[in-house]
Protein backbone atom coordinates (compact mmCIF):
# COMPACT_ATOMS: atom_id res chain seq x y z
CA UNK A 1 167.49 -1.80 -46.42
CA UNK A 2 163.81 -2.49 -46.74
CA UNK A 3 161.87 -4.81 -44.50
CA UNK A 4 159.46 -7.00 -46.47
CA UNK A 5 156.21 -8.28 -44.97
CA UNK A 6 154.07 -11.21 -46.16
CA UNK A 7 151.01 -12.16 -44.13
CA UNK A 8 147.89 -14.30 -44.55
CA UNK A 9 144.78 -13.61 -42.47
CA UNK A 10 141.72 -15.83 -42.14
CA UNK A 11 138.52 -15.09 -40.23
CA UNK A 12 136.57 -18.03 -38.81
CA UNK A 13 133.97 -18.23 -36.03
CA UNK A 14 134.69 -14.75 -34.64
CA UNK A 15 138.48 -15.23 -34.56
CA UNK A 16 141.10 -14.06 -37.02
CA UNK A 17 144.22 -16.18 -37.52
CA UNK A 18 147.32 -14.32 -38.64
CA UNK A 19 150.47 -15.96 -39.98
CA UNK A 20 153.29 -14.23 -41.78
CA UNK A 21 156.92 -13.77 -42.63
CA UNK A 22 159.06 -10.72 -41.93
CA UNK A 23 162.05 -10.64 -44.30
CA UNK A 24 165.02 -9.26 -42.30
CA UNK A 25 168.66 -10.45 -41.91
CA UNK A 26 168.67 -10.04 -38.09
CA UNK A 27 172.37 -9.41 -37.37
CA UNK A 28 173.18 -9.68 -33.66
CA UNK A 29 175.92 -7.72 -31.90
CA UNK A 30 178.25 -10.75 -31.93
CA UNK A 31 177.74 -11.46 -35.67
CA UNK A 32 178.16 -7.77 -36.50
CA UNK A 33 181.44 -7.54 -34.57
CA UNK A 34 182.84 -10.60 -36.41
CA UNK A 35 181.84 -9.18 -39.81
CA UNK A 36 182.84 -5.59 -39.03
CA UNK A 37 179.30 -4.30 -39.60
CA UNK A 38 176.60 -2.61 -37.52
CA UNK A 39 174.19 -4.75 -35.54
CA UNK A 40 170.65 -4.62 -36.89
CA UNK A 41 167.62 -6.63 -35.81
CA UNK A 42 163.88 -6.15 -35.40
CA UNK A 43 162.99 -4.27 -32.23
CA UNK A 44 159.23 -3.76 -32.57
CA UNK A 45 156.28 -5.52 -34.22
CA UNK A 46 152.67 -4.30 -34.06
CA UNK A 47 149.34 -5.17 -35.70
CA UNK A 48 146.28 -2.89 -35.75
CA UNK A 49 142.70 -3.71 -36.69
CA UNK A 50 140.13 -0.89 -36.86
CA UNK A 51 142.53 1.44 -34.99
CA UNK A 52 142.95 -1.04 -32.12
CA UNK A 53 146.23 -2.82 -31.34
CA UNK A 54 145.65 -6.58 -31.62
CA UNK A 55 149.31 -7.67 -31.38
CA UNK A 56 152.41 -5.94 -30.06
CA UNK A 57 155.91 -7.28 -29.39
CA UNK A 58 159.20 -5.76 -28.37
CA UNK A 59 161.90 -8.04 -29.80
CA UNK A 60 165.66 -8.49 -29.47
CA UNK A 61 168.70 -9.81 -31.30
CA UNK A 62 167.75 -13.38 -30.40
CA UNK A 63 164.91 -13.57 -32.93
CA UNK A 64 165.80 -15.71 -35.96
CA UNK A 65 166.59 -14.43 -39.43
CA UNK A 66 163.36 -13.89 -41.46
CA UNK A 67 161.09 -14.63 -38.48
CA UNK A 68 157.64 -16.20 -38.83
CA UNK A 69 154.95 -14.52 -36.73
CA UNK A 70 151.67 -16.21 -35.72
CA UNK A 71 148.86 -14.90 -33.55
CA UNK A 72 145.07 -14.87 -33.26
CA UNK A 73 142.73 -12.10 -32.25
CA UNK A 74 139.04 -11.88 -31.48
CA UNK A 75 136.99 -10.17 -34.17
CA UNK A 76 137.75 -9.29 -37.74
CA UNK A 77 135.54 -10.01 -40.73
CA UNK A 78 136.21 -11.04 -44.29
CA UNK A 79 137.27 -8.01 -46.35
CA UNK A 80 138.50 -5.91 -43.41
CA UNK A 81 142.17 -4.96 -43.17
CA UNK A 82 144.91 -5.35 -40.58
CA UNK A 83 147.95 -3.07 -40.66
CA UNK A 84 151.30 -4.59 -39.71
CA UNK A 85 154.13 -2.32 -38.50
CA UNK A 86 157.77 -3.29 -37.90
CA UNK A 87 160.88 -1.36 -36.91
CA UNK A 88 164.53 -2.36 -36.62
CA UNK A 89 167.48 -1.16 -34.52
CA UNK A 90 168.72 1.27 -37.19
CA UNK A 91 165.34 2.98 -37.42
CA UNK A 92 164.16 1.34 -40.65
CA UNK A 93 160.37 1.06 -40.59
CA UNK A 94 157.86 -0.78 -42.70
CA UNK A 95 154.08 -1.04 -42.64
CA UNK A 96 151.60 -2.76 -44.89
CA UNK A 97 147.86 -3.49 -44.91
CA UNK A 98 146.61 -7.03 -45.34
CA UNK A 99 143.07 -8.10 -46.17
CA UNK A 100 141.24 -10.69 -44.07
CA UNK A 101 139.97 -13.61 -46.13
């Protein structure tokens, strides 16, 4: 299973606004037991800008399916890139670079 990332980044007055969607089914332990499948949900989300972590979250099964993530960070200029990393319970990982507009 692949984890798909879609993010938009905008720099304005020394701040960068980040908003995006992480495409993931997010199956909790209870849902998995009912369906006879393995539980699988996002466990880690991280964003890096110029080698510095600007956002980091350890998540659980209580995050919604296809979660929307929003955050701001100080710095970032038009044309620079932010790398988003995500990992789920089964060890699937995804990372992608997004350009600041």
